[in-house]
Structures are given as C-alpha cells and as structure tokens.
N, C-alpha and C. Protein backbone atom coordinates (compact mmCIF):
# COMPACT_ATOMS: atom_id res chain seq x y z
N UNK A 1 -88.73 -73.08 24.01
CA UNK A 1 -89.27 -73.78 22.87
C UNK A 1 -88.48 -73.34 21.64
N UNK A 2 -88.50 -74.19 20.63
CA UNK A 2 -87.74 -73.88 19.43
C UNK A 2 -88.63 -73.98 18.21
N UNK A 3 -88.21 -73.36 17.15
CA UNK A 3 -88.84 -73.54 15.85
C UNK A 3 -90.35 -73.44 15.85
N UNK A 4 -90.91 -74.07 14.84
CA UNK A 4 -92.35 -74.12 14.70
C UNK A 4 -92.79 -75.56 14.90
N UNK A 5 -93.52 -75.81 15.98
CA UNK A 5 -93.95 -77.16 16.30
C UNK A 5 -95.31 -77.45 15.70
N UNK A 6 -95.46 -78.67 15.23
CA UNK A 6 -96.72 -79.18 14.72
C UNK A 6 -96.99 -80.51 15.41
N UNK A 7 -98.20 -80.69 15.91
CA UNK A 7 -98.59 -81.96 16.50
C UNK A 7 -99.72 -82.53 15.65
N UNK A 8 -99.57 -83.80 15.30
CA UNK A 8 -100.60 -84.45 14.50
C UNK A 8 -100.79 -85.88 14.97
N UNK A 9 -101.96 -86.42 14.67
CA UNK A 9 -102.27 -87.79 15.04
C UNK A 9 -101.61 -88.73 14.04
N UNK A 10 -100.85 -89.68 14.56
CA UNK A 10 -100.12 -90.62 13.71
C UNK A 10 -101.07 -91.66 13.14
N UNK A 11 -100.71 -92.18 11.98
CA UNK A 11 -101.44 -93.29 11.38
C UNK A 11 -100.42 -94.27 10.78
N UNK A 12 -100.91 -95.26 10.06
CA UNK A 12 -100.05 -96.32 9.54
C UNK A 12 -98.92 -95.78 8.67
N UNK A 13 -99.13 -94.68 7.96
CA UNK A 13 -98.07 -94.11 7.13
C UNK A 13 -96.87 -93.64 7.97
N UNK A 14 -97.07 -93.47 9.28
CA UNK A 14 -96.00 -93.01 10.16
C UNK A 14 -95.23 -94.15 10.82
N UNK A 15 -95.51 -95.40 10.45
CA UNK A 15 -94.95 -96.56 11.15
C UNK A 15 -93.42 -96.55 11.19
N UNK A 16 -92.77 -96.22 10.10
CA UNK A 16 -91.30 -96.28 10.08
C UNK A 16 -90.68 -95.24 11.01
N UNK A 17 -91.17 -94.00 10.95
CA UNK A 17 -90.62 -92.96 11.82
C UNK A 17 -90.98 -93.26 13.27
N UNK A 18 -92.18 -93.79 13.52
CA UNK A 18 -92.58 -94.14 14.89
C UNK A 18 -91.68 -95.24 15.45
N UNK A 19 -91.39 -96.26 14.65
CA UNK A 19 -90.52 -97.34 15.10
C UNK A 19 -89.13 -96.81 15.42
N UNK A 20 -88.58 -96.01 14.53
CA UNK A 20 -87.24 -95.44 14.76
C UNK A 20 -87.24 -94.55 16.01
N UNK A 21 -88.22 -93.68 16.10
CA UNK A 21 -88.31 -92.76 17.24
C UNK A 21 -88.52 -93.51 18.56
N UNK A 22 -89.36 -94.52 18.55
CA UNK A 22 -89.63 -95.31 19.76
C UNK A 22 -88.36 -95.96 20.29
N UNK A 23 -87.64 -96.59 19.40
CA UNK A 23 -86.42 -97.29 19.81
C UNK A 23 -85.34 -96.31 20.25
N UNK A 24 -85.10 -95.27 19.47
CA UNK A 24 -84.00 -94.36 19.81
C UNK A 24 -84.28 -93.58 21.10
N UNK A 25 -85.50 -93.12 21.29
CA UNK A 25 -85.79 -92.35 22.51
C UNK A 25 -85.80 -93.24 23.75
N UNK A 26 -86.30 -94.46 23.63
CA UNK A 26 -86.31 -95.37 24.78
C UNK A 26 -84.89 -95.77 25.15
N UNK A 27 -84.09 -96.07 24.14
CA UNK A 27 -82.69 -96.44 24.40
C UNK A 27 -81.93 -95.27 25.04
N UNK A 28 -82.15 -94.06 24.54
CA UNK A 28 -81.51 -92.88 25.13
C UNK A 28 -81.94 -92.68 26.59
N UNK A 29 -83.22 -92.89 26.86
CA UNK A 29 -83.74 -92.64 28.20
C UNK A 29 -83.30 -93.69 29.21
N UNK A 30 -83.20 -94.95 28.80
CA UNK A 30 -83.00 -96.02 29.77
C UNK A 30 -81.82 -96.94 29.50
N UNK A 31 -81.12 -96.74 28.40
CA UNK A 31 -80.02 -97.64 28.04
C UNK A 31 -78.89 -97.68 29.03
N UNK A 32 -78.54 -96.52 29.60
CA UNK A 32 -77.42 -96.46 30.55
C UNK A 32 -77.72 -97.19 31.86
N UNK A 33 -78.99 -97.28 32.23
CA UNK A 33 -79.38 -97.83 33.53
C UNK A 33 -79.79 -99.30 33.45
N UNK A 34 -79.74 -99.89 32.27
CA UNK A 34 -80.17 -101.27 32.10
C UNK A 34 -79.17 -102.03 31.24
N UNK A 35 -79.22 -103.36 31.34
CA UNK A 35 -78.29 -104.16 30.55
C UNK A 35 -78.69 -104.12 29.08
N UNK A 36 -77.70 -104.30 28.22
CA UNK A 36 -77.95 -104.35 26.78
C UNK A 36 -78.93 -105.48 26.46
N UNK A 37 -78.77 -106.61 27.13
CA UNK A 37 -79.64 -107.76 26.87
C UNK A 37 -81.10 -107.45 27.21
N UNK A 38 -81.32 -106.82 28.37
CA UNK A 38 -82.70 -106.46 28.75
C UNK A 38 -83.28 -105.42 27.80
N UNK A 39 -82.48 -104.44 27.42
CA UNK A 39 -82.95 -103.41 26.49
C UNK A 39 -83.29 -104.04 25.14
N UNK A 40 -82.39 -104.86 24.61
CA UNK A 40 -82.62 -105.48 23.31
C UNK A 40 -83.88 -106.34 23.31
N UNK A 41 -84.07 -107.11 24.37
CA UNK A 41 -85.26 -107.97 24.48
C UNK A 41 -86.53 -107.13 24.53
N UNK A 42 -86.53 -106.11 25.36
CA UNK A 42 -87.71 -105.26 25.49
C UNK A 42 -88.03 -104.55 24.17
N UNK A 43 -87.03 -103.97 23.55
CA UNK A 43 -87.25 -103.24 22.30
C UNK A 43 -87.73 -104.17 21.19
N UNK A 44 -87.19 -105.38 21.13
CA UNK A 44 -87.63 -106.35 20.11
C UNK A 44 -89.08 -106.76 20.32
N UNK A 45 -89.50 -106.87 21.58
CA UNK A 45 -90.86 -107.31 21.88
C UNK A 45 -91.87 -106.17 21.85
N UNK A 46 -91.50 -105.01 22.34
CA UNK A 46 -92.47 -103.93 22.55
C UNK A 46 -92.39 -102.78 21.54
N UNK A 47 -91.29 -102.64 20.84
CA UNK A 47 -91.13 -101.51 19.93
C UNK A 47 -90.87 -101.96 18.50
N UNK A 48 -91.20 -103.21 18.21
CA UNK A 48 -91.01 -103.71 16.85
C UNK A 48 -92.02 -103.05 15.92
N UNK A 49 -91.70 -103.07 14.66
CA UNK A 49 -92.59 -102.51 13.66
C UNK A 49 -93.95 -103.21 13.71
N UNK A 50 -93.95 -104.52 13.88
CA UNK A 50 -95.19 -105.30 13.92
C UNK A 50 -96.04 -104.93 15.13
N UNK A 51 -95.40 -104.79 16.28
CA UNK A 51 -96.14 -104.43 17.50
C UNK A 51 -96.71 -103.02 17.37
N UNK A 52 -95.92 -102.08 16.87
CA UNK A 52 -96.40 -100.72 16.69
C UNK A 52 -97.52 -100.65 15.65
N UNK A 53 -97.44 -101.47 14.61
CA UNK A 53 -98.49 -101.53 13.62
C UNK A 53 -99.81 -101.95 14.28
N UNK A 54 -99.75 -102.99 15.11
CA UNK A 54 -100.94 -103.45 15.82
C UNK A 54 -101.47 -102.35 16.75
N UNK A 55 -100.57 -101.66 17.44
CA UNK A 55 -101.00 -100.59 18.35
C UNK A 55 -101.65 -99.44 17.58
N UNK A 56 -101.11 -99.09 16.43
CA UNK A 56 -101.69 -98.03 15.61
C UNK A 56 -103.09 -98.41 15.12
N UNK A 57 -103.33 -99.70 14.92
CA UNK A 57 -104.63 -100.17 14.44
C UNK A 57 -105.62 -100.47 15.56
N UNK A 58 -105.20 -100.36 16.80
CA UNK A 58 -106.07 -100.63 17.95
C UNK A 58 -106.85 -99.36 18.30
N UNK A 59 -108.17 -99.44 18.30
CA UNK A 59 -109.00 -98.26 18.55
C UNK A 59 -108.84 -97.71 19.97
N UNK A 60 -108.26 -98.49 20.88
CA UNK A 60 -108.03 -98.01 22.25
C UNK A 60 -106.77 -97.17 22.38
N UNK A 61 -106.00 -97.05 21.30
CA UNK A 61 -104.75 -96.30 21.30
C UNK A 61 -104.84 -95.08 20.41
N UNK A 62 -104.03 -94.08 20.75
CA UNK A 62 -103.92 -92.88 19.94
C UNK A 62 -102.48 -92.37 20.06
N UNK A 63 -101.82 -92.21 18.92
CA UNK A 63 -100.45 -91.70 18.90
C UNK A 63 -100.45 -90.27 18.36
N UNK A 64 -99.67 -89.41 19.00
CA UNK A 64 -99.45 -88.05 18.51
C UNK A 64 -97.97 -87.87 18.25
N UNK A 65 -97.65 -87.29 17.10
CA UNK A 65 -96.27 -87.00 16.74
C UNK A 65 -96.09 -85.49 16.81
N UNK A 66 -94.91 -85.06 17.26
CA UNK A 66 -94.59 -83.63 17.27
C UNK A 66 -93.39 -83.41 16.36
N UNK A 67 -93.54 -82.44 15.47
CA UNK A 67 -92.44 -82.14 14.56
C UNK A 67 -92.03 -80.69 14.71
N UNK A 68 -90.76 -80.46 14.46
CA UNK A 68 -90.18 -79.12 14.46
C UNK A 68 -89.65 -78.89 13.05
N UNK A 69 -90.29 -77.98 12.33
CA UNK A 69 -89.90 -77.72 10.93
C UNK A 69 -89.77 -79.01 10.13
N UNK A 70 -90.82 -79.82 10.14
CA UNK A 70 -90.90 -81.04 9.33
C UNK A 70 -90.11 -82.23 9.89
N UNK A 71 -89.31 -82.04 10.94
CA UNK A 71 -88.57 -83.17 11.53
C UNK A 71 -89.33 -83.64 12.76
N UNK A 72 -89.71 -84.91 12.77
CA UNK A 72 -90.41 -85.48 13.92
C UNK A 72 -89.40 -85.63 15.05
N UNK A 73 -89.72 -85.02 16.20
CA UNK A 73 -88.78 -84.98 17.31
C UNK A 73 -89.33 -85.62 18.58
N UNK A 74 -90.58 -86.07 18.56
CA UNK A 74 -91.14 -86.71 19.73
C UNK A 74 -92.51 -87.28 19.44
N UNK A 75 -93.02 -88.04 20.41
CA UNK A 75 -94.35 -88.62 20.25
C UNK A 75 -94.94 -88.95 21.62
N UNK A 76 -96.25 -89.14 21.61
CA UNK A 76 -96.96 -89.61 22.80
C UNK A 76 -97.94 -90.69 22.37
N UNK A 77 -98.14 -91.64 23.24
CA UNK A 77 -99.15 -92.68 23.02
C UNK A 77 -100.14 -92.60 24.17
N UNK A 78 -101.41 -92.50 23.84
CA UNK A 78 -102.47 -92.51 24.84
C UNK A 78 -103.31 -93.76 24.62
N UNK A 79 -103.87 -94.28 25.72
CA UNK A 79 -104.72 -95.47 25.59
C UNK A 79 -105.75 -95.51 26.70
N UNK A 80 -106.79 -96.30 26.47
CA UNK A 80 -107.87 -96.42 27.46
C UNK A 80 -108.01 -97.85 27.97
N UNK A 81 -107.01 -98.69 27.79
CA UNK A 81 -107.04 -100.07 28.28
C UNK A 81 -106.17 -100.20 29.54
N UNK A 82 -106.34 -101.31 30.24
CA UNK A 82 -105.51 -101.64 31.41
C UNK A 82 -105.55 -100.56 32.49
N UNK A 83 -106.74 -100.23 32.94
CA UNK A 83 -106.94 -99.18 33.94
C UNK A 83 -106.62 -99.74 35.34
N UNK A 84 -105.80 -99.05 36.13
CA UNK A 84 -105.51 -99.51 37.49
C UNK A 84 -106.78 -99.49 38.36
N UNK A 85 -106.87 -100.45 39.27
CA UNK A 85 -108.06 -100.53 40.13
C UNK A 85 -108.23 -99.29 41.00
N UNK A 86 -107.14 -98.57 41.28
CA UNK A 86 -107.24 -97.35 42.09
C UNK A 86 -108.05 -96.25 41.38
N UNK A 87 -108.24 -96.40 40.07
CA UNK A 87 -108.98 -95.39 39.31
C UNK A 87 -110.41 -95.82 39.01
N UNK A 88 -110.87 -96.89 39.65
CA UNK A 88 -112.25 -97.34 39.47
C UNK A 88 -113.19 -96.19 39.84
N UNK A 89 -114.26 -96.05 39.08
CA UNK A 89 -115.22 -95.00 39.34
C UNK A 89 -114.90 -93.68 38.65
N UNK A 90 -113.82 -93.68 37.87
CA UNK A 90 -113.47 -92.48 37.10
C UNK A 90 -113.52 -92.84 35.62
N UNK A 91 -113.32 -91.87 34.78
CA UNK A 91 -113.24 -92.08 33.34
C UNK A 91 -111.83 -91.69 32.91
N UNK A 92 -110.85 -92.61 33.11
CA UNK A 92 -109.44 -92.25 32.90
C UNK A 92 -108.93 -92.58 31.50
N UNK A 93 -107.87 -91.89 31.13
CA UNK A 93 -107.09 -92.19 29.94
C UNK A 93 -105.61 -92.09 30.33
N UNK A 94 -104.82 -92.98 29.77
CA UNK A 94 -103.39 -93.05 30.12
C UNK A 94 -102.52 -92.41 29.05
N UNK A 95 -101.50 -91.71 29.50
CA UNK A 95 -100.38 -91.36 28.63
C UNK A 95 -99.38 -92.48 28.85
N UNK A 96 -99.41 -93.48 27.96
CA UNK A 96 -98.56 -94.65 28.15
C UNK A 96 -97.10 -94.36 27.80
N UNK A 97 -96.90 -93.52 26.79
CA UNK A 97 -95.54 -93.14 26.40
C UNK A 97 -95.53 -91.67 26.02
N UNK A 98 -94.45 -91.01 26.41
CA UNK A 98 -94.20 -89.65 25.92
C UNK A 98 -92.68 -89.49 25.89
N UNK A 99 -92.16 -89.31 24.69
CA UNK A 99 -90.71 -89.25 24.49
C UNK A 99 -90.36 -88.16 23.48
N UNK A 100 -89.22 -87.53 23.74
CA UNK A 100 -88.69 -86.50 22.86
C UNK A 100 -87.22 -86.85 22.60
N UNK A 101 -86.77 -86.66 21.36
CA UNK A 101 -85.36 -86.91 21.05
C UNK A 101 -84.46 -86.15 22.01
N UNK A 102 -83.38 -86.79 22.42
CA UNK A 102 -82.47 -86.23 23.41
C UNK A 102 -81.96 -84.83 23.02
N UNK A 103 -81.69 -84.62 21.77
CA UNK A 103 -81.19 -83.31 21.31
C UNK A 103 -82.22 -82.20 21.51
N UNK A 104 -83.48 -82.56 21.76
CA UNK A 104 -84.55 -81.57 21.93
C UNK A 104 -85.03 -81.47 23.37
N UNK A 105 -84.34 -82.16 24.29
CA UNK A 105 -84.71 -82.03 25.71
C UNK A 105 -84.47 -80.59 26.17
N UNK A 106 -85.17 -80.18 27.19
CA UNK A 106 -85.07 -78.84 27.79
C UNK A 106 -85.44 -77.72 26.82
N UNK A 107 -86.30 -78.04 25.86
CA UNK A 107 -86.77 -77.02 24.91
C UNK A 107 -88.30 -76.89 24.98
N UNK A 108 -88.89 -77.41 26.05
CA UNK A 108 -90.33 -77.32 26.32
C UNK A 108 -91.19 -78.13 25.37
N UNK A 109 -90.60 -78.99 24.56
CA UNK A 109 -91.38 -79.80 23.63
C UNK A 109 -92.22 -80.82 24.39
N UNK A 110 -91.66 -81.42 25.44
CA UNK A 110 -92.43 -82.35 26.26
C UNK A 110 -93.64 -81.69 26.89
N UNK A 111 -93.49 -80.46 27.33
CA UNK A 111 -94.60 -79.72 27.92
C UNK A 111 -95.68 -79.44 26.88
N UNK A 112 -95.27 -79.05 25.69
CA UNK A 112 -96.23 -78.79 24.61
C UNK A 112 -96.98 -80.07 24.25
N UNK A 113 -96.26 -81.17 24.18
CA UNK A 113 -96.87 -82.46 23.85
C UNK A 113 -97.83 -82.90 24.95
N UNK A 114 -97.44 -82.73 26.21
CA UNK A 114 -98.33 -83.10 27.31
C UNK A 114 -99.55 -82.19 27.34
N UNK A 115 -99.38 -80.93 27.04
CA UNK A 115 -100.51 -80.00 26.95
C UNK A 115 -101.51 -80.51 25.91
N UNK A 116 -100.99 -80.99 24.79
CA UNK A 116 -101.86 -81.53 23.75
C UNK A 116 -102.61 -82.76 24.27
N UNK A 117 -101.93 -83.63 25.00
CA UNK A 117 -102.57 -84.82 25.56
C UNK A 117 -103.67 -84.44 26.55
N UNK A 118 -103.42 -83.44 27.38
CA UNK A 118 -104.42 -82.99 28.34
C UNK A 118 -105.64 -82.43 27.61
N UNK A 119 -105.41 -81.62 26.61
CA UNK A 119 -106.51 -81.05 25.83
C UNK A 119 -107.32 -82.16 25.14
N UNK A 120 -106.61 -83.14 24.56
CA UNK A 120 -107.28 -84.27 23.92
C UNK A 120 -108.15 -85.02 24.93
N UNK A 121 -107.59 -85.27 26.12
CA UNK A 121 -108.34 -86.00 27.16
C UNK A 121 -109.58 -85.22 27.59
N UNK A 122 -109.43 -83.93 27.80
CA UNK A 122 -110.56 -83.11 28.23
C UNK A 122 -111.64 -83.07 27.15
N UNK A 123 -111.25 -82.90 25.91
CA UNK A 123 -112.23 -82.86 24.81
C UNK A 123 -112.90 -84.21 24.63
N UNK A 124 -112.22 -85.29 25.03
CA UNK A 124 -112.79 -86.63 24.94
C UNK A 124 -113.69 -86.99 26.12
N UNK A 125 -113.82 -86.07 27.08
CA UNK A 125 -114.68 -86.31 28.23
C UNK A 125 -114.04 -87.12 29.35
N UNK A 126 -112.73 -87.31 29.30
CA UNK A 126 -112.05 -88.05 30.37
C UNK A 126 -111.86 -87.13 31.57
N UNK A 127 -111.94 -87.71 32.77
CA UNK A 127 -111.79 -86.87 33.96
C UNK A 127 -110.48 -87.08 34.70
N UNK A 128 -109.70 -88.08 34.29
CA UNK A 128 -108.40 -88.34 34.91
C UNK A 128 -107.41 -88.73 33.81
N UNK A 129 -106.24 -88.11 33.86
CA UNK A 129 -105.13 -88.48 33.00
C UNK A 129 -104.11 -89.15 33.90
N UNK A 130 -103.64 -90.33 33.53
CA UNK A 130 -102.70 -91.04 34.39
C UNK A 130 -101.54 -91.60 33.57
N UNK A 131 -100.49 -91.97 34.29
CA UNK A 131 -99.31 -92.53 33.64
C UNK A 131 -98.48 -93.30 34.66
N UNK A 132 -97.58 -94.12 34.14
CA UNK A 132 -96.60 -94.82 34.97
C UNK A 132 -95.22 -94.32 34.58
N UNK A 133 -94.36 -94.16 35.58
CA UNK A 133 -93.00 -93.68 35.33
C UNK A 133 -92.05 -94.47 36.23
N UNK A 134 -90.91 -94.88 35.67
CA UNK A 134 -89.95 -95.68 36.41
C UNK A 134 -89.58 -94.96 37.70
N UNK A 135 -89.60 -95.69 38.80
CA UNK A 135 -89.36 -95.10 40.12
C UNK A 135 -88.00 -94.41 40.22
N UNK A 136 -87.03 -94.78 39.39
CA UNK A 136 -85.70 -94.18 39.44
C UNK A 136 -85.53 -93.02 38.44
N UNK A 137 -86.60 -92.62 37.79
CA UNK A 137 -86.54 -91.53 36.81
C UNK A 137 -87.02 -90.24 37.49
N UNK A 138 -86.17 -89.73 38.38
CA UNK A 138 -86.52 -88.55 39.16
C UNK A 138 -86.84 -87.32 38.33
N UNK A 139 -86.13 -87.13 37.23
CA UNK A 139 -86.39 -85.98 36.38
C UNK A 139 -87.80 -86.01 35.80
N UNK A 140 -88.22 -87.18 35.33
CA UNK A 140 -89.57 -87.31 34.78
C UNK A 140 -90.62 -87.13 35.87
N UNK A 141 -90.39 -87.70 37.03
CA UNK A 141 -91.35 -87.55 38.13
C UNK A 141 -91.52 -86.08 38.49
N UNK A 142 -90.42 -85.35 38.59
CA UNK A 142 -90.51 -83.91 38.88
C UNK A 142 -91.24 -83.15 37.77
N UNK A 143 -90.99 -83.52 36.52
CA UNK A 143 -91.68 -82.90 35.38
C UNK A 143 -93.18 -83.08 35.52
N UNK A 144 -93.62 -84.31 35.80
CA UNK A 144 -95.06 -84.57 35.93
C UNK A 144 -95.64 -83.86 37.16
N UNK A 145 -94.90 -83.81 38.24
CA UNK A 145 -95.39 -83.08 39.42
C UNK A 145 -95.59 -81.60 39.10
N UNK A 146 -94.67 -81.00 38.36
CA UNK A 146 -94.83 -79.59 37.97
C UNK A 146 -96.08 -79.38 37.13
N UNK A 147 -96.51 -80.41 36.42
CA UNK A 147 -97.69 -80.31 35.58
C UNK A 147 -98.97 -80.67 36.34
N UNK A 148 -98.85 -80.91 37.64
CA UNK A 148 -100.04 -81.16 38.45
C UNK A 148 -100.37 -82.62 38.69
N UNK A 149 -99.49 -83.53 38.31
CA UNK A 149 -99.72 -84.95 38.57
C UNK A 149 -99.34 -85.27 40.02
N UNK A 150 -100.04 -86.24 40.60
CA UNK A 150 -99.73 -86.69 41.96
C UNK A 150 -99.63 -88.21 41.97
N UNK A 151 -98.83 -88.73 42.89
CA UNK A 151 -98.64 -90.18 43.02
C UNK A 151 -99.92 -90.82 43.54
N UNK A 152 -100.22 -92.03 43.03
CA UNK A 152 -101.38 -92.74 43.56
C UNK A 152 -101.16 -94.24 43.66
N UNK A 153 -100.02 -94.75 43.26
CA UNK A 153 -99.78 -96.18 43.36
C UNK A 153 -98.52 -96.58 42.65
N UNK A 154 -98.40 -97.88 42.40
CA UNK A 154 -97.24 -98.43 41.71
C UNK A 154 -97.65 -99.73 41.03
N UNK A 155 -96.90 -100.11 40.01
CA UNK A 155 -97.10 -101.43 39.40
C UNK A 155 -95.77 -101.93 38.85
N UNK A 156 -95.73 -103.22 38.58
CA UNK A 156 -94.52 -103.83 38.03
C UNK A 156 -94.43 -103.56 36.54
N UNK A 157 -93.19 -103.47 36.07
CA UNK A 157 -92.90 -103.24 34.66
C UNK A 157 -91.74 -104.16 34.30
N UNK A 158 -91.95 -105.06 33.35
CA UNK A 158 -90.91 -106.00 32.95
C UNK A 158 -90.13 -105.43 31.77
N UNK A 159 -88.86 -105.12 32.02
CA UNK A 159 -87.97 -104.64 30.98
C UNK A 159 -87.01 -105.77 30.65
N UNK A 160 -87.26 -106.45 29.54
CA UNK A 160 -86.47 -107.64 29.22
C UNK A 160 -86.78 -108.72 30.22
N UNK A 161 -85.78 -109.08 31.04
CA UNK A 161 -85.97 -110.05 32.11
C UNK A 161 -85.91 -109.40 33.49
N UNK A 162 -85.85 -108.08 33.54
CA UNK A 162 -85.69 -107.34 34.79
C UNK A 162 -87.03 -106.75 35.23
N UNK A 163 -87.56 -107.25 36.37
CA UNK A 163 -88.80 -106.72 36.90
C UNK A 163 -88.49 -105.40 37.62
N UNK A 164 -89.11 -104.33 37.17
CA UNK A 164 -88.90 -103.01 37.72
C UNK A 164 -90.22 -102.47 38.27
N UNK A 165 -90.15 -101.32 38.93
CA UNK A 165 -91.34 -100.71 39.50
C UNK A 165 -91.57 -99.34 38.87
N UNK A 166 -92.79 -99.15 38.40
CA UNK A 166 -93.23 -97.84 37.94
C UNK A 166 -94.13 -97.24 39.01
N UNK A 167 -93.92 -95.98 39.34
CA UNK A 167 -94.88 -95.28 40.18
C UNK A 167 -95.99 -94.79 39.26
N UNK A 168 -97.20 -94.77 39.78
CA UNK A 168 -98.35 -94.31 39.02
C UNK A 168 -98.70 -92.91 39.47
N UNK A 169 -98.99 -92.06 38.49
CA UNK A 169 -99.32 -90.67 38.77
C UNK A 169 -100.60 -90.31 38.02
N UNK A 170 -101.37 -89.41 38.61
CA UNK A 170 -102.62 -89.00 37.98
C UNK A 170 -102.81 -87.51 38.08
N UNK A 171 -103.62 -87.00 37.17
CA UNK A 171 -104.00 -85.59 37.15
C UNK A 171 -105.50 -85.55 36.92
N UNK A 172 -106.22 -84.96 37.86
CA UNK A 172 -107.66 -84.79 37.68
C UNK A 172 -107.87 -83.66 36.69
N UNK A 173 -108.80 -83.88 35.77
CA UNK A 173 -109.05 -82.91 34.71
C UNK A 173 -110.37 -82.19 34.95
N UNK A 174 -110.37 -80.93 34.62
CA UNK A 174 -111.59 -80.13 34.64
C UNK A 174 -111.46 -79.12 33.51
N UNK A 175 -112.50 -78.38 33.27
CA UNK A 175 -112.48 -77.40 32.19
C UNK A 175 -111.41 -76.33 32.35
N UNK A 176 -110.91 -76.14 33.58
CA UNK A 176 -109.92 -75.09 33.81
C UNK A 176 -108.48 -75.60 33.71
N UNK A 177 -108.29 -76.91 33.56
CA UNK A 177 -106.94 -77.46 33.47
C UNK A 177 -106.34 -77.16 32.11
N UNK A 178 -105.20 -76.54 32.16
CA UNK A 178 -104.46 -76.27 30.91
C UNK A 178 -103.05 -75.87 31.32
N UNK A 179 -102.09 -76.38 30.63
CA UNK A 179 -100.69 -76.07 30.95
C UNK A 179 -100.28 -74.83 30.18
N UNK A 180 -99.58 -73.95 30.85
CA UNK A 180 -99.03 -72.79 30.17
C UNK A 180 -97.73 -73.19 29.53
N UNK A 181 -97.58 -72.92 28.24
CA UNK A 181 -96.39 -73.37 27.52
C UNK A 181 -95.51 -72.17 27.12
N UNK A 182 -95.54 -71.15 27.90
CA UNK A 182 -94.65 -70.01 27.58
C UNK A 182 -93.22 -70.37 27.91
N UNK A 183 -92.28 -69.79 27.19
CA UNK A 183 -90.88 -70.12 27.44
C UNK A 183 -90.23 -69.14 28.37
C-alpha cells in the first residue's frame, strides 16, 4: 500500500473526476483486448457524464472514491438492482465496478477498496456480495478468489457491438468476514 488512502462516498460534485476515472481505467483495463470502435461505443453509452449523473442520482447505486494524498486513484460502484436468479432467496448487493488507475496497480488499493465494499455490505445487512468479471480477465478472477469469492454462473455483457461473457462470482457475508489489508 502507498501513501495515505481516504475512501469517501461520491456525490454529484464528483461527476467530472468520476467520468474521467471511469473512462481511463476501463480503457486501460480492456482497450488492448477490444476494438477501438467497440470501446468507443461502450464508453459513450455507459461512461458518459450524463449516464454517470443518472447513476449517482439513483438510490439503488452507491459510488466510493479512493484517494491517495488528495489524488483520486480508484472507485467502486455498488448497486442492488438486476439480481441474478441464482441469488434468489438471499439479500445480495453487487460490486458492479471496481477500478484503480494503472499506475496504482499492485499497491493493495483494490484490496482496500474491496474491504470497504464488504464492510458497507455487511453494515447494510446484505448477506451476499456478488460481481461479474470478464471471463478472459484471469488476473481479476484470481484477485476475487483470493478474497473468498466463488463462481456461481455467467451472463452476457455487450461491449459496443461485441457480445462477451462475464463469469459471476459471489461471497457470502457474515459478521466474521473481513479482508486483511496488511502489506
């Protein structure tokens, strides 16, 4: 881990940094593996300032920003909509997005941010934390497995005009669940 990290809940005043961070981190994570046309279409539709504004104003969403010495270096989006049928009978919450600037990878910031998401979910009374991750993103899948997530399904994800597959992963939550963030 580096510096002094601060995590805070984003609001409308964070829209510009959230838009910039969303686009740059998504492009860094997936730009090499997808066409420019598909990336541009997806980013224009899903990461536009207008779309993010609507998401920030939706009560089913919650964004957390992580900063290192006043510089925002990552974010997470949690939501309680669009629950997979495999999670029926539970009280789940999704980590829909979790991204850290490329220059800050391998500095445990993602772990700290996920720890915050787990704590938020537990305090909110949720019993399952779930997420979708691109089937070809082996590094992310291993990261989530180390944090106690397990595979439970898959769903389609449209990136531009390219239909892709996300594997679905879940973590059952209890009062004893907590990630150790020591370096």
